[in-house]
Amino acid sequence: MLSGISGSGGTAAQGSAEELTERELDVLRRLARGMSNKEIGADLSIAEKTVKTHISSILAKLGLADRTQAAVYAVKHGYE
């Protein structure tokens, strides 16, 4: 069911990081570093719930299934 982002060229992602807001990119970069939602929130001075909202938006815009795929996407595309 899930086509792997580790496949040829990472075709699971339908969107582009260009669709992300600056704040979503901030969250994506921290997610790629392995930070938890709580750590991301503290680092960016935003609520953990807001972090979750940003991650949901990132996943939707990039066509990804979970935060692990988002982290892999970020590393592959130099957003770490």
N, C-alpha and C. Protein backbone atom coordinates (compact mmCIF):
# COMPACT_ATOMS: atom_id res chain seq x y z
N MET A 1 0.81 -1.19 0.00
CA MET A 1 0.00 0.00 0.00
C MET A 1 0.86 1.26 0.00
N LEU A 2 1.84 1.34 0.90
CA LEU A 2 2.73 2.49 0.92
C LEU A 2 3.86 2.28 -0.07
N SER A 3 3.96 3.17 -1.03
CA SER A 3 5.12 3.08 -1.90
C SER A 3 6.26 3.76 -1.18
N GLY A 4 7.36 3.09 -1.03
CA GLY A 4 8.45 3.57 -0.19
C GLY A 4 9.16 4.77 -0.76
N ILE A 5 9.44 5.70 0.09
CA ILE A 5 10.20 6.87 -0.33
C ILE A 5 11.63 6.48 -0.64
N SER A 6 12.05 5.31 -0.13
CA SER A 6 13.40 4.85 -0.39
C SER A 6 13.50 4.14 -1.74
N GLY A 7 12.42 4.09 -2.46
CA GLY A 7 12.42 3.47 -3.78
C GLY A 7 13.17 4.34 -4.77
N SER A 8 12.97 4.11 -6.03
CA SER A 8 13.70 4.85 -7.05
C SER A 8 13.21 6.29 -7.14
N GLY A 9 14.02 7.18 -6.60
CA GLY A 9 13.70 8.60 -6.70
C GLY A 9 12.72 9.11 -5.69
N GLY A 10 12.25 8.30 -4.74
CA GLY A 10 11.33 8.79 -3.73
C GLY A 10 10.00 9.24 -4.29
N THR A 11 9.40 8.45 -5.12
CA THR A 11 8.19 8.85 -5.82
C THR A 11 6.96 8.92 -4.93
N ALA A 12 7.08 8.54 -3.65
CA ALA A 12 5.92 8.60 -2.76
C ALA A 12 5.50 10.04 -2.51
N ALA A 13 6.44 10.95 -2.52
CA ALA A 13 6.13 12.35 -2.27
C ALA A 13 5.54 12.98 -3.52
N GLN A 14 4.34 13.51 -3.40
CA GLN A 14 3.66 14.12 -4.54
C GLN A 14 3.92 15.61 -4.62
N GLY A 15 4.12 16.23 -3.46
CA GLY A 15 4.30 17.68 -3.42
C GLY A 15 5.75 18.08 -3.39
N SER A 16 5.94 19.36 -3.20
CA SER A 16 7.27 19.93 -3.17
C SER A 16 7.42 20.78 -1.92
N ALA A 17 8.63 20.85 -1.40
CA ALA A 17 8.89 21.67 -0.22
C ALA A 17 8.62 23.14 -0.51
N GLU A 18 8.57 23.52 -1.77
CA GLU A 18 8.26 24.90 -2.13
C GLU A 18 6.86 25.30 -1.68
N GLU A 19 5.99 24.31 -1.46
CA GLU A 19 4.63 24.57 -1.00
C GLU A 19 4.57 24.87 0.50
N LEU A 20 5.66 24.58 1.22
CA LEU A 20 5.66 24.74 2.67
C LEU A 20 5.92 26.19 3.07
N THR A 21 5.30 26.58 4.18
CA THR A 21 5.56 27.91 4.74
C THR A 21 6.92 27.89 5.43
N GLU A 22 7.44 29.05 5.77
CA GLU A 22 8.71 29.14 6.49
C GLU A 22 8.63 28.38 7.81
N ARG A 23 7.53 28.51 8.52
CA ARG A 23 7.38 27.83 9.82
C ARG A 23 7.33 26.32 9.63
N GLU A 24 6.66 25.86 8.58
CA GLU A 24 6.64 24.43 8.30
C GLU A 24 8.04 23.92 7.98
N LEU A 25 8.82 24.72 7.27
CA LEU A 25 10.20 24.34 6.99
C LEU A 25 11.02 24.29 8.27
N ASP A 26 10.78 25.24 9.18
CA ASP A 26 11.45 25.21 10.49
C ASP A 26 11.16 23.90 11.21
N VAL A 27 9.89 23.51 11.21
CA VAL A 27 9.48 22.27 11.86
C VAL A 27 10.10 21.07 11.15
N LEU A 28 10.06 21.07 9.82
CA LEU A 28 10.62 19.96 9.04
C LEU A 28 12.11 19.77 9.33
N ARG A 29 12.84 20.86 9.40
CA ARG A 29 14.28 20.78 9.68
C ARG A 29 14.54 20.12 11.04
N ARG A 30 13.77 20.52 12.02
CA ARG A 30 13.93 19.95 13.36
C ARG A 30 13.47 18.51 13.43
N LEU A 31 12.42 18.20 12.70
CA LEU A 31 11.94 16.83 12.63
C LEU A 31 13.03 15.94 12.03
N ALA A 32 13.72 16.44 11.01
CA ALA A 32 14.79 15.68 10.37
C ALA A 32 15.96 15.43 11.32
N ARG A 33 16.12 16.29 12.30
CA ARG A 33 17.18 16.12 13.30
C ARG A 33 16.78 15.15 14.40
N GLY A 34 15.55 14.63 14.31
CA GLY A 34 15.09 13.65 15.29
C GLY A 34 14.47 14.25 16.54
N MET A 35 14.13 15.52 16.49
CA MET A 35 13.53 16.16 17.65
C MET A 35 12.08 15.73 17.82
N SER A 36 11.64 15.62 19.06
CA SER A 36 10.25 15.30 19.37
C SER A 36 9.39 16.54 19.17
N ASN A 37 8.06 16.35 19.15
CA ASN A 37 7.16 17.50 19.04
C ASN A 37 7.38 18.48 20.18
N LYS A 38 7.58 17.94 21.38
CA LYS A 38 7.80 18.78 22.55
C LYS A 38 9.09 19.60 22.39
N GLU A 39 10.15 18.97 21.93
CA GLU A 39 11.43 19.66 21.72
C GLU A 39 11.31 20.72 20.63
N ILE A 40 10.61 20.38 19.54
CA ILE A 40 10.42 21.34 18.45
C ILE A 40 9.65 22.55 18.96
N GLY A 41 8.57 22.30 19.71
CA GLY A 41 7.78 23.39 20.27
C GLY A 41 8.61 24.29 21.16
N ALA A 42 9.41 23.70 22.04
CA ALA A 42 10.25 24.50 22.94
C ALA A 42 11.27 25.30 22.15
N ASP A 43 11.87 24.69 21.14
CA ASP A 43 12.89 25.35 20.34
C ASP A 43 12.33 26.52 19.55
N LEU A 44 11.09 26.38 19.06
CA LEU A 44 10.47 27.43 18.24
C LEU A 44 9.53 28.34 19.05
N SER A 45 9.42 28.08 20.35
CA SER A 45 8.52 28.85 21.22
C SER A 45 7.07 28.80 20.74
N ILE A 46 6.63 27.59 20.39
CA ILE A 46 5.24 27.37 20.00
C ILE A 46 4.71 26.16 20.77
N ALA A 47 3.39 26.04 20.85
CA ALA A 47 2.77 24.94 21.58
C ALA A 47 2.98 23.61 20.84
N GLU A 48 3.04 22.53 21.61
CA GLU A 48 3.20 21.21 21.03
C GLU A 48 2.05 20.90 20.06
N LYS A 49 0.85 21.35 20.39
CA LYS A 49 -0.30 21.15 19.51
C LYS A 49 -0.08 21.85 18.17
N THR A 50 0.53 23.02 18.20
CA THR A 50 0.84 23.76 16.97
C THR A 50 1.85 22.99 16.13
N VAL A 51 2.83 22.38 16.79
CA VAL A 51 3.80 21.55 16.08
C VAL A 51 3.08 20.42 15.36
N LYS A 52 2.15 19.76 16.06
CA LYS A 52 1.39 18.66 15.45
C LYS A 52 0.61 19.15 14.24
N THR A 53 0.04 20.34 14.33
CA THR A 53 -0.70 20.91 13.21
C THR A 53 0.23 21.15 12.02
N HIS A 54 1.42 21.69 12.30
CA HIS A 54 2.39 21.93 11.22
C HIS A 54 2.82 20.62 10.58
N ILE A 55 3.05 19.59 11.39
CA ILE A 55 3.47 18.30 10.85
C ILE A 55 2.37 17.71 9.97
N SER A 56 1.13 17.82 10.40
CA SER A 56 0.01 17.33 9.59
C SER A 56 -0.04 18.04 8.25
N SER A 57 0.19 19.35 8.28
CA SER A 57 0.19 20.13 7.05
C SER A 57 1.36 19.74 6.14
N ILE A 58 2.51 19.52 6.72
CA ILE A 58 3.69 19.09 5.96
C ILE A 58 3.40 17.76 5.28
N LEU A 59 2.86 16.81 6.02
CA LEU A 59 2.56 15.49 5.46
C LEU A 59 1.57 15.60 4.31
N ALA A 60 0.54 16.41 4.49
CA ALA A 60 -0.47 16.58 3.44
C ALA A 60 0.13 17.23 2.19
N LYS A 61 0.90 18.28 2.38
CA LYS A 61 1.48 19.00 1.24
C LYS A 61 2.49 18.16 0.47
N LEU A 62 3.24 17.32 1.19
CA LEU A 62 4.27 16.51 0.54
C LEU A 62 3.76 15.13 0.13
N GLY A 63 2.53 14.80 0.51
CA GLY A 63 1.97 13.50 0.15
C GLY A 63 2.65 12.35 0.87
N LEU A 64 2.99 12.58 2.14
CA LEU A 64 3.69 11.57 2.93
C LEU A 64 2.76 10.99 3.99
N ALA A 65 3.09 9.79 4.46
CA ALA A 65 2.22 9.08 5.39
C ALA A 65 2.53 9.37 6.85
N ASP A 66 3.81 9.64 7.19
CA ASP A 66 4.15 9.79 8.60
C ASP A 66 5.42 10.63 8.77
N ARG A 67 5.73 10.92 10.03
CA ARG A 67 6.87 11.80 10.32
C ARG A 67 8.19 11.18 9.91
N THR A 68 8.27 9.85 9.90
CA THR A 68 9.50 9.20 9.46
C THR A 68 9.75 9.48 7.99
N GLN A 69 8.70 9.37 7.18
CA GLN A 69 8.85 9.69 5.75
C GLN A 69 9.22 11.16 5.58
N ALA A 70 8.66 12.03 6.40
CA ALA A 70 8.97 13.45 6.31
C ALA A 70 10.44 13.69 6.65
N ALA A 71 10.95 13.01 7.67
CA ALA A 71 12.35 13.15 8.05
C ALA A 71 13.26 12.66 6.92
N VAL A 72 12.91 11.52 6.32
CA VAL A 72 13.71 10.99 5.21
C VAL A 72 13.68 11.98 4.04
N TYR A 73 12.51 12.52 3.74
CA TYR A 73 12.37 13.51 2.67
C TYR A 73 13.28 14.71 2.95
N ALA A 74 13.25 15.20 4.18
CA ALA A 74 14.03 16.38 4.55
C ALA A 74 15.52 16.12 4.39
N VAL A 75 15.97 14.96 4.81
CA VAL A 75 17.40 14.64 4.70
C VAL A 75 17.79 14.51 3.23
N LYS A 76 16.96 13.81 2.45
CA LYS A 76 17.26 13.61 1.02
C LYS A 76 17.33 14.93 0.25
N HIS A 77 16.54 15.91 0.70
CA HIS A 77 16.46 17.18 -0.02
C HIS A 77 17.24 18.29 0.67
N GLY A 78 18.06 17.94 1.64
CA GLY A 78 18.96 18.91 2.26
C GLY A 78 18.32 19.89 3.23
N TYR A 79 17.23 19.51 3.87
CA TYR A 79 16.56 20.40 4.81
C TYR A 79 16.91 20.10 6.26
N GLU A 80 17.93 19.32 6.50
CA GLU A 80 18.26 18.92 7.86
C GLU A 80 18.93 19.98 8.68
